Amino acid sequence: MEPIAVWVRPDEEWALVHRCGTCRVVRLNRVAGDDNEMALLSLAARPMARPPFPVDR
């Protein structure tokens, strides 16, 4: 399972979005208290750092 994103649930709890490298199924897992905060923030900021469309303006 590869972490691909972070999702904030309606109750403001964070969850990791994982995708299986073999079957490509996507699953959600709650963030644990001992997870690396900087890695979580890096995953959360990924869409802003590398948008899926050109940003020319």
C-alpha atoms as a PDB file:
ATOM      1  CA  MET A   1       0.000   0.000   0.000  1.00  0.00           C
ATOM      2  CA  GLU A   2       1.365   3.366  -1.060  1.00  0.00           C
ATOM      3  CA  PRO A   3       0.202   6.613   0.602  1.00  0.00           C
ATOM      4  CA  ILE A   4      -1.126   8.914  -2.114  1.00  0.00           C
ATOM      5  CA  ALA A   5      -3.028  11.659  -0.272  1.00  0.00           C
ATOM      6  CA  VAL A   6      -4.410  12.986   2.990  1.00  0.00           C
ATOM      7  CA  TRP A   7      -8.137  13.454   3.517  1.00  0.00           C
ATOM      8  CA  VAL A   8      -9.797  15.476   6.280  1.00  0.00           C
ATOM      9  CA  ARG A   9     -13.007  13.849   7.442  1.00  0.00           C
ATOM     10  CA  PRO A  10     -16.092  15.942   8.321  1.00  0.00           C
ATOM     11  CA  ASP A  11     -15.239  15.550  12.033  1.00  0.00           C
ATOM     12  CA  GLU A  12     -11.813  17.139  11.236  1.00  0.00           C
ATOM     13  CA  GLU A  13      -9.931  13.873  11.758  1.00  0.00           C
ATOM     14  CA  TRP A  14      -7.183  13.230   9.197  1.00  0.00           C
ATOM     15  CA  ALA A  15      -6.985  10.008   7.203  1.00  0.00           C
ATOM     16  CA  LEU A  16      -4.346   8.654   4.834  1.00  0.00           C
ATOM     17  CA  VAL A  17      -5.447   7.556   1.388  1.00  0.00           C
ATOM     18  CA  HIS A  18      -3.512   4.455   0.283  1.00  0.00           C
ATOM     19  CA  ARG A  19      -3.449   2.666  -3.076  1.00  0.00           C
ATOM     20  CA  CYS A  20      -2.412  -0.959  -3.511  1.00  0.00           C
ATOM     21  CA  GLY A  21       0.514  -1.334  -5.905  1.00  0.00           C
ATOM     22  CA  THR A  22      -0.844  -4.622  -7.242  1.00  0.00           C
ATOM     23  CA  CYS A  23      -4.630  -4.348  -7.572  1.00  0.00           C
ATOM     24  CA  ARG A  24      -4.852  -0.509  -7.419  1.00  0.00           C
ATOM     25  CA  VAL A  25      -7.631  -0.578  -4.795  1.00  0.00           C
ATOM     26  CA  VAL A  26      -7.847   2.619  -2.696  1.00  0.00           C
ATOM     27  CA  ARG A  27      -8.346   2.508   1.088  1.00  0.00           C
ATOM     28  CA  LEU A  28      -8.537   5.043   3.929  1.00  0.00           C
ATOM     29  CA  ASN A  29      -6.680   4.687   7.245  1.00  0.00           C
ATOM     30  CA  ARG A  30      -6.942   7.005  10.228  1.00  0.00           C
ATOM     31  CA  VAL A  31      -3.819   8.982  11.055  1.00  0.00           C
ATOM     32  CA  ALA A  32      -2.091   7.590  14.138  1.00  0.00           C
ATOM     33  CA  GLY A  33      -0.613   9.660  16.933  1.00  0.00           C
ATOM     34  CA  ASP A  34       2.909   8.498  16.117  1.00  0.00           C
ATOM     35  CA  ASP A  35       2.728   9.292  12.359  1.00  0.00           C
ATOM     36  CA  ASN A  36       5.332  11.743  11.064  1.00  0.00           C
ATOM     37  CA  GLU A  37       3.641  15.158  10.901  1.00  0.00           C
ATOM     38  CA  MET A  38       6.046  16.522   8.284  1.00  0.00           C
ATOM     39  CA  ALA A  39       5.374  13.549   5.981  1.00  0.00           C
ATOM     40  CA  LEU A  40       1.615  14.101   6.390  1.00  0.00           C
ATOM     41  CA  LEU A  41       1.934  17.814   5.571  1.00  0.00           C
ATOM     42  CA  SER A  42       4.097  16.968   2.563  1.00  0.00           C
ATOM     43  CA  LEU A  43       1.401  14.622   1.256  1.00  0.00           C
ATOM     44  CA  ALA A  44      -1.283  17.250   1.906  1.00  0.00           C
ATOM     45  CA  ALA A  45       0.682  19.937   0.022  1.00  0.00           C
ATOM     46  CA  ARG A  46       1.512  17.726  -2.979  1.00  0.00           C
ATOM     47  CA  PRO A  47      -1.447  18.882  -5.155  1.00  0.00           C
ATOM     48  CA  MET A  48      -0.470  22.544  -4.651  1.00  0.00           C
ATOM     49  CA  ALA A  49       3.211  21.887  -5.382  1.00  0.00           C
ATOM     50  CA  ARG A  50       2.537  19.786  -8.491  1.00  0.00           C
ATOM     51  CA  PRO A  51      -0.893  20.664  -9.932  1.00  0.00           C
ATOM     52  CA  PRO A  52      -2.298  18.305 -12.585  1.00  0.00           C
ATOM     53  CA  PHE A  53      -2.635  21.190 -15.040  1.00  0.00           C
ATOM     54  CA  PRO A  54      -0.287  23.953 -16.260  1.00  0.00           C
ATOM     55  CA  VAL A  55      -0.109  27.078 -14.134  1.00  0.00           C
ATOM     56  CA  ASP A  56       1.074  29.875 -16.404  1.00  0.00           C
ATOM     57  CA  ARG A  57      -0.439  32.887 -14.719  1.00  0.00           C
END
